[in-house]
């Protein structure tokens, strides 16, 4: 059987925590921030944990894990 490839976008956008959860950067923080209020910018400053429903999909795109 040939090896499975990891999606290159997943390698760049997600990191795996020690407990197996996936961390990701929050969308909507690159440009046009003047139209967002200060609360939105402040709450989305750091990375967040991916939801449990989406974690299974993303882990299927990285068959050998993210390292």
N, C-alpha and C. Protein backbone atom coordinates (compact mmCIF):
# COMPACT_ATOMS: atom_id res chain seq x y z
N UNK A 1 0.84 -1.19 0.00
CA UNK A 1 0.00 0.00 0.00
C UNK A 1 0.88 1.25 0.00
N UNK A 2 0.54 2.23 -0.83
CA UNK A 2 1.31 3.47 -0.80
C UNK A 2 0.97 4.30 0.43
N UNK A 3 1.89 5.17 0.78
CA UNK A 3 1.66 6.05 1.92
C UNK A 3 0.60 7.10 1.57
N UNK A 4 -0.13 7.54 2.58
CA UNK A 4 -1.13 8.59 2.40
C UNK A 4 -0.47 9.94 2.59
N UNK A 5 -0.91 10.90 1.81
CA UNK A 5 -0.35 12.25 1.93
C UNK A 5 -1.16 13.08 2.91
N UNK A 6 -0.47 13.95 3.61
CA UNK A 6 -1.12 14.92 4.49
C UNK A 6 -1.46 16.16 3.67
N UNK A 7 -2.68 16.70 3.88
CA UNK A 7 -3.05 17.93 3.19
C UNK A 7 -2.10 19.04 3.63
N UNK A 8 -1.55 19.77 2.69
CA UNK A 8 -0.54 20.76 3.02
C UNK A 8 -1.13 21.94 3.79
N UNK A 9 -2.41 22.22 3.57
CA UNK A 9 -3.04 23.30 4.32
C UNK A 9 -3.22 22.98 5.79
N UNK A 10 -3.40 21.70 6.09
CA UNK A 10 -3.57 21.29 7.48
C UNK A 10 -2.26 21.44 8.24
N UNK A 11 -1.15 21.13 7.58
CA UNK A 11 0.16 21.27 8.22
C UNK A 11 0.42 22.72 8.63
N UNK A 12 -0.05 23.64 7.82
CA UNK A 12 0.24 25.06 8.06
C UNK A 12 -0.70 25.67 9.09
N UNK A 13 -1.93 25.18 9.19
CA UNK A 13 -2.96 25.88 9.94
C UNK A 13 -3.28 25.31 11.30
N UNK A 14 -2.90 24.07 11.58
CA UNK A 14 -3.31 23.43 12.83
C UNK A 14 -2.10 22.88 13.57
N UNK A 15 -2.19 22.87 14.90
CA UNK A 15 -1.21 22.21 15.74
C UNK A 15 -1.95 21.31 16.70
N UNK A 16 -1.33 20.20 17.04
CA UNK A 16 -1.93 19.20 17.90
C UNK A 16 -1.47 19.42 19.34
N UNK A 17 -2.41 19.41 20.28
CA UNK A 17 -2.07 19.57 21.69
C UNK A 17 -1.70 18.21 22.27
N UNK A 18 -1.23 18.20 23.50
CA UNK A 18 -0.81 16.96 24.14
C UNK A 18 -1.99 16.02 24.39
N UNK A 19 -3.18 16.57 24.55
CA UNK A 19 -4.35 15.74 24.80
C UNK A 19 -5.06 15.32 23.51
N UNK A 20 -4.54 15.72 22.35
CA UNK A 20 -5.12 15.31 21.09
C UNK A 20 -6.09 16.29 20.48
N UNK A 21 -6.23 17.47 21.08
CA UNK A 21 -7.10 18.49 20.49
C UNK A 21 -6.33 19.28 19.45
N UNK A 22 -7.05 20.00 18.62
CA UNK A 22 -6.43 20.78 17.55
C UNK A 22 -6.58 22.26 17.83
N UNK A 23 -5.45 22.98 17.80
CA UNK A 23 -5.46 24.43 17.95
C UNK A 23 -5.42 25.06 16.57
N UNK A 24 -6.10 26.21 16.43
CA UNK A 24 -6.10 26.92 15.16
C UNK A 24 -6.18 28.41 15.42
N UNK A 25 -5.71 29.18 14.45
CA UNK A 25 -5.85 30.62 14.52
C UNK A 25 -7.26 31.03 14.14
N UNK A 26 -7.70 32.16 14.65
CA UNK A 26 -9.07 32.61 14.43
C UNK A 26 -9.14 33.36 13.09
N UNK A 27 -10.20 33.12 12.36
CA UNK A 27 -10.38 33.77 11.06
C UNK A 27 -10.83 35.22 11.24
N UNK A 28 -10.59 36.03 10.22
CA UNK A 28 -11.05 37.41 10.22
C UNK A 28 -10.15 38.37 10.95
N UNK A 29 -8.83 38.07 11.01
CA UNK A 29 -7.92 38.93 11.76
C UNK A 29 -6.78 39.46 10.90
N UNK A 30 -6.92 39.42 9.59
CA UNK A 30 -5.81 39.81 8.72
C UNK A 30 -5.89 41.28 8.30
N UNK A 31 -7.05 41.69 7.87
CA UNK A 31 -7.18 43.08 7.38
C UNK A 31 -8.60 43.53 7.62
N UNK A 32 -8.87 44.81 7.36
CA UNK A 32 -10.17 45.45 7.60
C UNK A 32 -10.60 45.33 9.05
N UNK A 33 -9.68 45.51 9.96
CA UNK A 33 -10.02 45.39 11.38
C UNK A 33 -10.71 46.64 11.91
N UNK A 34 -10.69 47.71 11.15
CA UNK A 34 -11.34 48.94 11.60
C UNK A 34 -12.86 48.74 11.65
N UNK A 35 -13.38 47.81 10.85
CA UNK A 35 -14.82 47.58 10.84
C UNK A 35 -15.27 46.66 11.98
N UNK A 36 -14.33 45.97 12.63
CA UNK A 36 -14.68 45.15 13.79
C UNK A 36 -14.58 45.99 15.06
N UNK A 37 -15.41 45.64 16.03
CA UNK A 37 -15.32 46.38 17.28
C UNK A 37 -14.19 45.82 18.14
N UNK A 38 -13.83 46.54 19.19
CA UNK A 38 -12.68 46.18 20.01
C UNK A 38 -12.89 44.86 20.72
N UNK A 39 -14.11 44.53 21.08
CA UNK A 39 -14.38 43.27 21.77
C UNK A 39 -14.08 42.08 20.87
N UNK A 40 -14.43 42.17 19.60
CA UNK A 40 -14.16 41.09 18.65
C UNK A 40 -12.66 40.88 18.49
N UNK A 41 -11.92 41.95 18.35
CA UNK A 41 -10.48 41.86 18.16
C UNK A 41 -9.81 41.30 19.41
N UNK A 42 -10.27 41.71 20.57
CA UNK A 42 -9.67 41.27 21.83
C UNK A 42 -9.95 39.79 22.09
N UNK A 43 -11.18 39.34 21.82
CA UNK A 43 -11.53 37.96 22.11
C UNK A 43 -10.90 36.97 21.13
N UNK A 44 -10.59 37.43 19.93
CA UNK A 44 -10.00 36.54 18.93
C UNK A 44 -8.50 36.77 18.78
N UNK A 45 -7.86 37.24 19.83
CA UNK A 45 -6.44 37.57 19.76
C UNK A 45 -5.59 36.31 19.72
N UNK A 46 -5.93 35.31 20.49
CA UNK A 46 -5.11 34.11 20.58
C UNK A 46 -5.70 32.99 19.74
N UNK A 47 -5.03 31.83 19.78
CA UNK A 47 -5.56 30.66 19.09
C UNK A 47 -6.69 30.07 19.91
N UNK A 48 -7.49 29.25 19.27
CA UNK A 48 -8.58 28.58 19.97
C UNK A 48 -8.59 27.10 19.58
N UNK A 49 -9.34 26.32 20.33
CA UNK A 49 -9.41 24.88 20.12
C UNK A 49 -10.55 24.58 19.14
N UNK A 50 -10.27 23.70 18.20
CA UNK A 50 -11.26 23.32 17.21
C UNK A 50 -12.38 22.51 17.85
N UNK A 51 -13.59 22.64 17.33
CA UNK A 51 -14.71 21.92 17.90
C UNK A 51 -14.55 20.42 17.68
N UNK A 52 -15.23 19.65 18.50
CA UNK A 52 -15.09 18.19 18.45
C UNK A 52 -15.60 17.62 17.14
N UNK A 53 -16.63 18.22 16.57
CA UNK A 53 -17.18 17.73 15.31
C UNK A 53 -16.21 17.93 14.15
N UNK A 54 -15.49 19.05 14.16
CA UNK A 54 -14.55 19.33 13.08
C UNK A 54 -13.22 18.62 13.26
N UNK A 55 -12.90 18.22 14.49
CA UNK A 55 -11.61 17.60 14.76
C UNK A 55 -11.46 16.29 14.01
N UNK A 56 -12.51 15.49 13.93
CA UNK A 56 -12.43 14.22 13.22
C UNK A 56 -12.15 14.42 11.74
N UNK A 57 -12.73 15.43 11.15
CA UNK A 57 -12.50 15.71 9.73
C UNK A 57 -11.07 16.13 9.47
N UNK A 58 -10.54 17.01 10.31
CA UNK A 58 -9.20 17.52 10.11
C UNK A 58 -8.17 16.43 10.37
N UNK A 59 -8.42 15.58 11.36
CA UNK A 59 -7.48 14.49 11.64
C UNK A 59 -7.44 13.48 10.50
N UNK A 60 -8.52 13.35 9.75
CA UNK A 60 -8.52 12.46 8.59
C UNK A 60 -7.64 13.02 7.48
N UNK A 61 -7.46 14.33 7.43
CA UNK A 61 -6.59 14.95 6.45
C UNK A 61 -5.12 14.83 6.82
N UNK A 62 -4.84 14.47 8.06
CA UNK A 62 -3.45 14.27 8.52
C UNK A 62 -3.36 12.85 9.07
N UNK A 63 -3.20 11.85 8.19
CA UNK A 63 -3.33 10.45 8.64
C UNK A 63 -2.24 10.01 9.61
N UNK A 64 -1.08 10.64 9.61
CA UNK A 64 0.01 10.24 10.49
C UNK A 64 0.26 11.25 11.61
N UNK A 65 -0.69 12.13 11.84
CA UNK A 65 -0.56 13.13 12.90
C UNK A 65 0.17 14.36 12.41
N UNK A 66 0.20 15.37 13.26
CA UNK A 66 0.88 16.63 12.95
C UNK A 66 2.09 16.74 13.85
N UNK A 67 3.26 16.84 13.27
CA UNK A 67 4.46 16.99 14.08
C UNK A 67 5.35 18.08 13.54
